[in-house]
Amino acid sequence: MPLYDFHCPDCAADFELLLRSDDTPVCPTCGSSRINRLISRVSPPGKSRGIAAAARAQARREGHLSNF
């Protein structure tokens, strides 16, 4: 499933949103509903496992119960 980023042409903000298919996205900066959906860049192969391990280690150090 592709991931999407959004770009607001009114305030030039770039952001990500988690939306259902029937939701209308709104810019969190200016509130405009005139936004463009972009395809996100994917992580390079072999890097995501190391990123997840680093995030779990940081969560463990900070005392989060979920450990990411």
PDB file of N, CA and C in Angstrom:
ATOM      1  N   MET A   1       0.857  -1.172   0.000  1.00  0.00           N
ATOM      2  CA  MET A   1       0.000   0.000   0.000  1.00  0.00           C
ATOM      3  C   MET A   1       0.902   1.234   0.000  1.00  0.00           C
ATOM      4  N   PRO A   2       0.685   2.175  -0.894  1.00  0.00           N
ATOM      5  CA  PRO A   2       1.530   3.370  -0.938  1.00  0.00           C
ATOM      6  C   PRO A   2       1.241   4.308   0.227  1.00  0.00           C
ATOM      7  N   LEU A   3       2.265   5.014   0.643  1.00  0.00           N
ATOM      8  CA  LEU A   3       2.135   6.030   1.680  1.00  0.00           C
ATOM      9  C   LEU A   3       2.068   7.384   1.006  1.00  0.00           C
ATOM     10  N   TYR A   4       1.299   8.295   1.563  1.00  0.00           N
ATOM     11  CA  TYR A   4       1.127   9.604   0.950  1.00  0.00           C
ATOM     12  C   TYR A   4       1.507  10.724   1.901  1.00  0.00           C
ATOM     13  N   ASP A   5       2.181  11.709   1.374  1.00  0.00           N
ATOM     14  CA  ASP A   5       2.435  12.975   2.034  1.00  0.00           C
ATOM     15  C   ASP A   5       1.517  13.992   1.383  1.00  0.00           C
ATOM     16  N   PHE A   6       1.399  15.143   2.008  1.00  0.00           N
ATOM     17  CA  PHE A   6       0.553  16.197   1.465  1.00  0.00           C
ATOM     18  C   PHE A   6       1.351  17.485   1.382  1.00  0.00           C
ATOM     19  N   HIS A   7       0.973  18.326   0.436  1.00  0.00           N
ATOM     20  CA  HIS A   7       1.573  19.648   0.279  1.00  0.00           C
ATOM     21  C   HIS A   7       0.446  20.665   0.153  1.00  0.00           C
ATOM     22  N   CYS A   8       0.529  21.729   0.931  1.00  0.00           N
ATOM     23  CA  CYS A   8      -0.469  22.792   0.882  1.00  0.00           C
ATOM     24  C   CYS A   8       0.076  23.931   0.025  1.00  0.00           C
ATOM     25  N   PRO A   9      -0.573  24.242  -1.104  1.00  0.00           N
ATOM     26  CA  PRO A   9      -0.091  25.340  -1.943  1.00  0.00           C
ATOM     27  C   PRO A   9      -0.351  26.723  -1.329  1.00  0.00           C
ATOM     28  N   ASP A  10      -1.279  26.819  -0.372  1.00  0.00           N
ATOM     29  CA  ASP A  10      -1.578  28.111   0.240  1.00  0.00           C
ATOM     30  C   ASP A  10      -0.478  28.585   1.186  1.00  0.00           C
ATOM     31  N   CYS A  11       0.051  27.660   2.019  1.00  0.00           N
ATOM     32  CA  CYS A  11       1.080  28.066   2.988  1.00  0.00           C
ATOM     33  C   CYS A  11       2.416  27.359   2.751  1.00  0.00           C
ATOM     34  N   ALA A  12       2.508  26.526   1.715  1.00  0.00           N
ATOM     35  CA  ALA A  12       3.727  25.802   1.343  1.00  0.00           C
ATOM     36  C   ALA A  12       4.191  24.817   2.405  1.00  0.00           C
ATOM     37  N   ALA A  13       3.261  24.271   3.182  1.00  0.00           N
ATOM     38  CA  ALA A  13       3.600  23.296   4.214  1.00  0.00           C
ATOM     39  C   ALA A  13       3.577  21.887   3.628  1.00  0.00           C
ATOM     40  N   ASP A  14       4.524  21.049   4.052  1.00  0.00           N
ATOM     41  CA  ASP A  14       4.544  19.627   3.714  1.00  0.00           C
ATOM     42  C   ASP A  14       4.273  18.854   4.994  1.00  0.00           C
ATOM     43  N   PHE A  15       3.378  17.846   4.935  1.00  0.00           N
ATOM     44  CA  PHE A  15       2.998  17.109   6.132  1.00  0.00           C
ATOM     45  C   PHE A  15       2.457  15.746   5.765  1.00  0.00           C
ATOM     46  N   GLU A  16       2.357  14.860   6.771  1.00  0.00           N
ATOM     47  CA  GLU A  16       1.774  13.534   6.625  1.00  0.00           C
ATOM     48  C   GLU A  16       0.519  13.462   7.472  1.00  0.00           C
ATOM     49  N   LEU A  17      -0.480  12.740   6.989  1.00  0.00           N
ATOM     50  CA  LEU A  17      -1.705  12.526   7.750  1.00  0.00           C
ATOM     51  C   LEU A  17      -2.124  11.079   7.640  1.00  0.00           C
ATOM     52  N   LEU A  18      -2.695  10.541   8.701  1.00  0.00           N
ATOM     53  CA  LEU A  18      -3.281   9.211   8.686  1.00  0.00           C
ATOM     54  C   LEU A  18      -4.777   9.393   8.509  1.00  0.00           C
ATOM     55  N   LEU A  19      -5.287   8.997   7.352  1.00  0.00           N
ATOM     56  CA  LEU A  19      -6.683   9.241   7.007  1.00  0.00           C
ATOM     57  C   LEU A  19      -7.364   7.981   6.517  1.00  0.00           C
ATOM     58  N   ARG A  20      -8.670   7.932   6.748  1.00  0.00           N
ATOM     59  CA  ARG A  20      -9.477   6.896   6.111  1.00  0.00           C
ATOM     60  C   ARG A  20      -9.792   7.347   4.699  1.00  0.00           C
ATOM     61  N   SER A  21     -10.237   6.429   3.876  1.00  0.00           N
ATOM     62  CA  SER A  21     -10.472   6.759   2.470  1.00  0.00           C
ATOM     63  C   SER A  21     -11.579   7.791   2.272  1.00  0.00           C
ATOM     64  N   ASP A  22     -12.528   7.884   3.204  1.00  0.00           N
ATOM     65  CA  ASP A  22     -13.624   8.841   3.041  1.00  0.00           C
ATOM     66  C   ASP A  22     -13.377  10.171   3.753  1.00  0.00           C
ATOM     67  N   ASP A  23     -12.222  10.343   4.427  1.00  0.00           N
ATOM     68  CA  ASP A  23     -11.895  11.603   5.099  1.00  0.00           C
ATOM     69  C   ASP A  23     -11.369  12.628   4.102  1.00  0.00           C
ATOM     70  N   THR A  24     -11.655  13.884   4.368  1.00  0.00           N
ATOM     71  CA  THR A  24     -11.120  14.978   3.561  1.00  0.00           C
ATOM     72  C   THR A  24      -9.941  15.581   4.313  1.00  0.00           C
ATOM     73  N   PRO A  25      -8.740  15.540   3.738  1.00  0.00           N
ATOM     74  CA  PRO A  25      -7.579  16.080   4.445  1.00  0.00           C
ATOM     75  C   PRO A  25      -7.614  17.607   4.519  1.00  0.00           C
ATOM     76  N   VAL A  26      -7.109  18.118   5.636  1.00  0.00           N
ATOM     77  CA  VAL A  26      -7.050  19.555   5.877  1.00  0.00           C
ATOM     78  C   VAL A  26      -5.643  19.889   6.355  1.00  0.00           C
ATOM     79  N   CYS A  27      -5.097  20.994   5.886  1.00  0.00           N
ATOM     80  CA  CYS A  27      -3.759  21.423   6.284  1.00  0.00           C
ATOM     81  C   CYS A  27      -3.740  21.747   7.775  1.00  0.00           C
ATOM     82  N   PRO A  28      -2.817  21.138   8.542  1.00  0.00           N
ATOM     83  CA  PRO A  28      -2.751  21.433   9.978  1.00  0.00           C
ATOM     84  C   PRO A  28      -2.183  22.825  10.274  1.00  0.00           C
ATOM     85  N   THR A  29      -1.524  23.458   9.314  1.00  0.00           N
ATOM     86  CA  THR A  29      -0.925  24.768   9.522  1.00  0.00           C
ATOM     87  C   THR A  29      -1.920  25.899   9.299  1.00  0.00           C
ATOM     88  N   CYS A  30      -2.589  25.877   8.133  1.00  0.00           N
ATOM     89  CA  CYS A  30      -3.482  26.995   7.809  1.00  0.00           C
ATOM     90  C   CYS A  30      -4.958  26.596   7.737  1.00  0.00           C
ATOM     91  N   GLY A  31      -5.265  25.294   7.758  1.00  0.00           N
ATOM     92  CA  GLY A  31      -6.655  24.852   7.734  1.00  0.00           C
ATOM     93  C   GLY A  31      -7.264  24.754   6.344  1.00  0.00           C
ATOM     94  N   SER A  32      -6.472  24.930   5.308  1.00  0.00           N
ATOM     95  CA  SER A  32      -6.974  24.876   3.941  1.00  0.00           C
ATOM     96  C   SER A  32      -7.288  23.436   3.543  1.00  0.00           C
ATOM     97  N   SER A  33      -8.345  23.260   2.783  1.00  0.00           N
ATOM     98  CA  SER A  33      -8.675  21.928   2.272  1.00  0.00           C
ATOM     99  C   SER A  33      -8.186  21.753   0.839  1.00  0.00           C
ATOM    100  N   ARG A  34      -7.532  22.773   0.303  1.00  0.00           N
ATOM    101  CA  ARG A  34      -6.959  22.733  -1.047  1.00  0.00           C
ATOM    102  C   ARG A  34      -5.527  22.208  -0.948  1.00  0.00           C
ATOM    103  N   ILE A  35      -5.349  20.899  -0.801  1.00  0.00           N
ATOM    104  CA  ILE A  35      -4.007  20.338  -0.654  1.00  0.00           C
ATOM    105  C   ILE A  35      -3.761  19.297  -1.735  1.00  0.00           C
ATOM    106  N   ASN A  36      -2.497  19.059  -2.019  1.00  0.00           N
ATOM    107  CA  ASN A  36      -2.095  18.090  -3.025  1.00  0.00           C
ATOM    108  C   ASN A  36      -1.526  16.856  -2.342  1.00  0.00           C
ATOM    109  N   ARG A  37      -1.926  15.677  -2.817  1.00  0.00           N
ATOM    110  CA  ARG A  37      -1.414  14.432  -2.261  1.00  0.00           C
ATOM    111  C   ARG A  37      -0.183  14.015  -3.062  1.00  0.00           C
ATOM    112  N   LEU A  38       0.886  13.649  -2.348  1.00  0.00           N
ATOM    113  CA  LEU A  38       2.148  13.254  -2.959  1.00  0.00           C
ATOM    114  C   LEU A  38       2.478  11.817  -2.568  1.00  0.00           C
ATOM    115  N   ILE A  39       3.230  11.129  -3.373  1.00  0.00           N
ATOM    116  CA  ILE A  39       3.699   9.793  -3.013  1.00  0.00           C
ATOM    117  C   ILE A  39       4.956   9.952  -2.170  1.00  0.00           C
ATOM    118  N   SER A  40       4.998   9.287  -1.012  1.00  0.00           N
ATOM    119  CA  SER A  40       6.138   9.382  -0.103  1.00  0.00           C
ATOM    120  C   SER A  40       7.316   8.578  -0.630  1.00  0.00           C
ATOM    121  N   ARG A  41       8.496   8.985  -0.238  1.00  0.00           N
ATOM    122  CA  ARG A  41       9.686   8.202  -0.549  1.00  0.00           C
ATOM    123  C   ARG A  41       9.732   6.999   0.380  1.00  0.00           C
ATOM    124  N   VAL A  42      10.174   5.883  -0.127  1.00  0.00           N
ATOM    125  CA  VAL A  42      10.296   4.675   0.689  1.00  0.00           C
ATOM    126  C   VAL A  42      11.677   4.633   1.311  1.00  0.00           C
ATOM    127  N   SER A  43      11.805   3.895   2.403  1.00  0.00           N
ATOM    128  CA  SER A  43      13.113   3.788   3.045  1.00  0.00           C
ATOM    129  C   SER A  43      14.016   2.882   2.220  1.00  0.00           C
ATOM    130  N   PRO A  44      15.305   3.140   2.223  1.00  0.00           N
ATOM    131  CA  PRO A  44      16.224   2.305   1.447  1.00  0.00           C
ATOM    132  C   PRO A  44      16.227   0.879   1.985  1.00  0.00           C
ATOM    133  N   PRO A  45      16.412  -0.120   1.132  1.00  0.00           N
ATOM    134  CA  PRO A  45      16.401  -1.504   1.600  1.00  0.00           C
ATOM    135  C   PRO A  45      17.524  -1.760   2.595  1.00  0.00           C
ATOM    136  N   GLY A  46      17.180  -2.482   3.639  1.00  0.00           N
ATOM    137  CA  GLY A  46      18.175  -2.835   4.644  1.00  0.00           C
ATOM    138  C   GLY A  46      18.339  -1.811   5.741  1.00  0.00           C
ATOM    139  N   LYS A  47      17.735  -0.647   5.624  1.00  0.00           N
ATOM    140  CA  LYS A  47      17.902   0.403   6.627  1.00  0.00           C
ATOM    141  C   LYS A  47      16.785   0.375   7.670  1.00  0.00           C
ATOM    142  N   SER A  48      15.594  -0.084   7.298  1.00  0.00           N
ATOM    143  CA  SER A  48      14.450   0.028   8.197  1.00  0.00           C
ATOM    144  C   SER A  48      14.612  -0.829   9.451  1.00  0.00           C
ATOM    145  N   ARG A  49      15.267  -1.975   9.356  1.00  0.00           N
ATOM    146  CA  ARG A  49      15.469  -2.816  10.529  1.00  0.00           C
ATOM    147  C   ARG A  49      16.363  -2.107  11.546  1.00  0.00           C
ATOM    148  N   GLY A  50      17.402  -1.440  11.084  1.00  0.00           N
ATOM    149  CA  GLY A  50      18.298  -0.700  11.975  1.00  0.00           C
ATOM    150  C   GLY A  50      17.631   0.509  12.595  1.00  0.00           C
ATOM    151  N   ILE A  51      16.766   1.186  11.820  1.00  0.00           N
ATOM    152  CA  ILE A  51      16.034   2.334  12.336  1.00  0.00           C
ATOM    153  C   ILE A  51      15.072   1.891  13.435  1.00  0.00           C
ATOM    154  N   ALA A  52      14.373   0.772  13.213  1.00  0.00           N
ATOM    155  CA  ALA A  52      13.440   0.257  14.219  1.00  0.00           C
ATOM    156  C   ALA A  52      14.184  -0.155  15.486  1.00  0.00           C
ATOM    157  N   ALA A  53      15.343  -0.784  15.354  1.00  0.00           N
ATOM    158  CA  ALA A  53      16.124  -1.188  16.525  1.00  0.00           C
ATOM    159  C   ALA A  53      16.583   0.030  17.316  1.00  0.00           C
ATOM    160  N   ALA A  54      17.001   1.081  16.621  1.00  0.00           N
ATOM    161  CA  ALA A  54      17.418   2.304  17.314  1.00  0.00           C
ATOM    162  C   ALA A  54      16.239   2.954  18.028  1.00  0.00           C
ATOM    163  N   ALA A  55      15.063   2.938  17.408  1.00  0.00           N
ATOM    164  CA  ALA A  55      13.879   3.530  18.035  1.00  0.00           C
ATOM    165  C   ALA A  55      13.472   2.730  19.277  1.00  0.00           C
ATOM    166  N   ARG A  56      13.578   1.397  19.202  1.00  0.00           N
ATOM    167  CA  ARG A  56      13.258   0.571  20.382  1.00  0.00           C
ATOM    168  C   ARG A  56      14.242   0.837  21.514  1.00  0.00           C
ATOM    169  N   ALA A  57      15.521   0.982  21.187  1.00  0.00           N
ATOM    170  CA  ALA A  57      16.524   1.260  22.212  1.00  0.00           C
ATOM    171  C   ALA A  57      16.270   2.610  22.875  1.00  0.00           C
ATOM    172  N   GLN A  58      15.903   3.608  22.083  1.00  0.00           N
ATOM    173  CA  GLN A  58      15.603   4.920  22.649  1.00  0.00           C
ATOM    174  C   GLN A  58      14.361   4.848  23.535  1.00  0.00           C
ATOM    175  N   ALA A  59      13.328   4.124  23.119  1.00  0.00           N
ATOM    176  CA  ALA A  59      12.121   3.979  23.926  1.00  0.00           C
ATOM    177  C   ALA A  59      12.441   3.279  25.240  1.00  0.00           C
ATOM    178  N   ARG A  60      13.302   2.263  25.178  1.00  0.00           N
ATOM    179  CA  ARG A  60      13.695   1.549  26.390  1.00  0.00           C
ATOM    180  C   ARG A  60      14.430   2.484  27.342  1.00  0.00           C
ATOM    181  N   ARG A  61      15.350   3.326  26.799  1.00  0.00           N
ATOM    182  CA  ARG A  61      16.083   4.260  27.645  1.00  0.00           C
ATOM    183  C   ARG A  61      15.150   5.292  28.283  1.00  0.00           C
ATOM    184  N   GLU A  62      14.135   5.708  27.550  1.00  0.00           N
ATOM    185  CA  GLU A  62      13.196   6.712  28.064  1.00  0.00           C
ATOM    186  C   GLU A  62      12.117   6.112  28.955  1.00  0.00           C
ATOM    187  N   GLY A  63      12.064   4.791  29.055  1.00  0.00           N
ATOM    188  CA  GLY A  63      11.124   4.137  29.957  1.00  0.00           C
ATOM    189  C   GLY A  63       9.743   3.918  29.392  1.00  0.00           C
ATOM    190  N   HIS A  64       9.599   3.940  28.075  1.00  0.00           N
ATOM    191  CA  HIS A  64       8.285   3.659  27.486  1.00  0.00           C
ATOM    192  C   HIS A  64       7.972   2.183  27.645  1.00  0.00           C
ATOM    193  N   LEU A  65       6.749   1.876  27.990  1.00  0.00           N
ATOM    194  CA  LEU A  65       6.373   0.487  28.229  1.00  0.00           C
ATOM    195  C   LEU A  65       6.275  -0.313  26.946  1.00  0.00           C
ATOM    196  N   SER A  66       5.943   0.334  25.831  1.00  0.00           N
ATOM    197  CA  SER A  66       5.741  -0.403  24.587  1.00  0.00           C
ATOM    198  C   SER A  66       7.049  -0.816  23.931  1.00  0.00           C
ATOM    199  N   ASN A  67       8.159  -0.140  24.257  1.00  0.00           N
ATOM    200  CA  ASN A  67       9.454  -0.375  23.614  1.00  0.00           C
ATOM    201  C   ASN A  67       9.348  -0.306  22.111  1.00  0.00           C
ATOM    202  N   PHE A  68       8.472   0.574  21.628  1.00  0.00           N
ATOM    203  CA  PHE A  68       8.258   0.854  20.206  1.00  0.00           C
ATOM    204  C   PHE A  68       7.671  -0.347  19.531  1.00  0.00           C
TER     205      PHE A  68
END
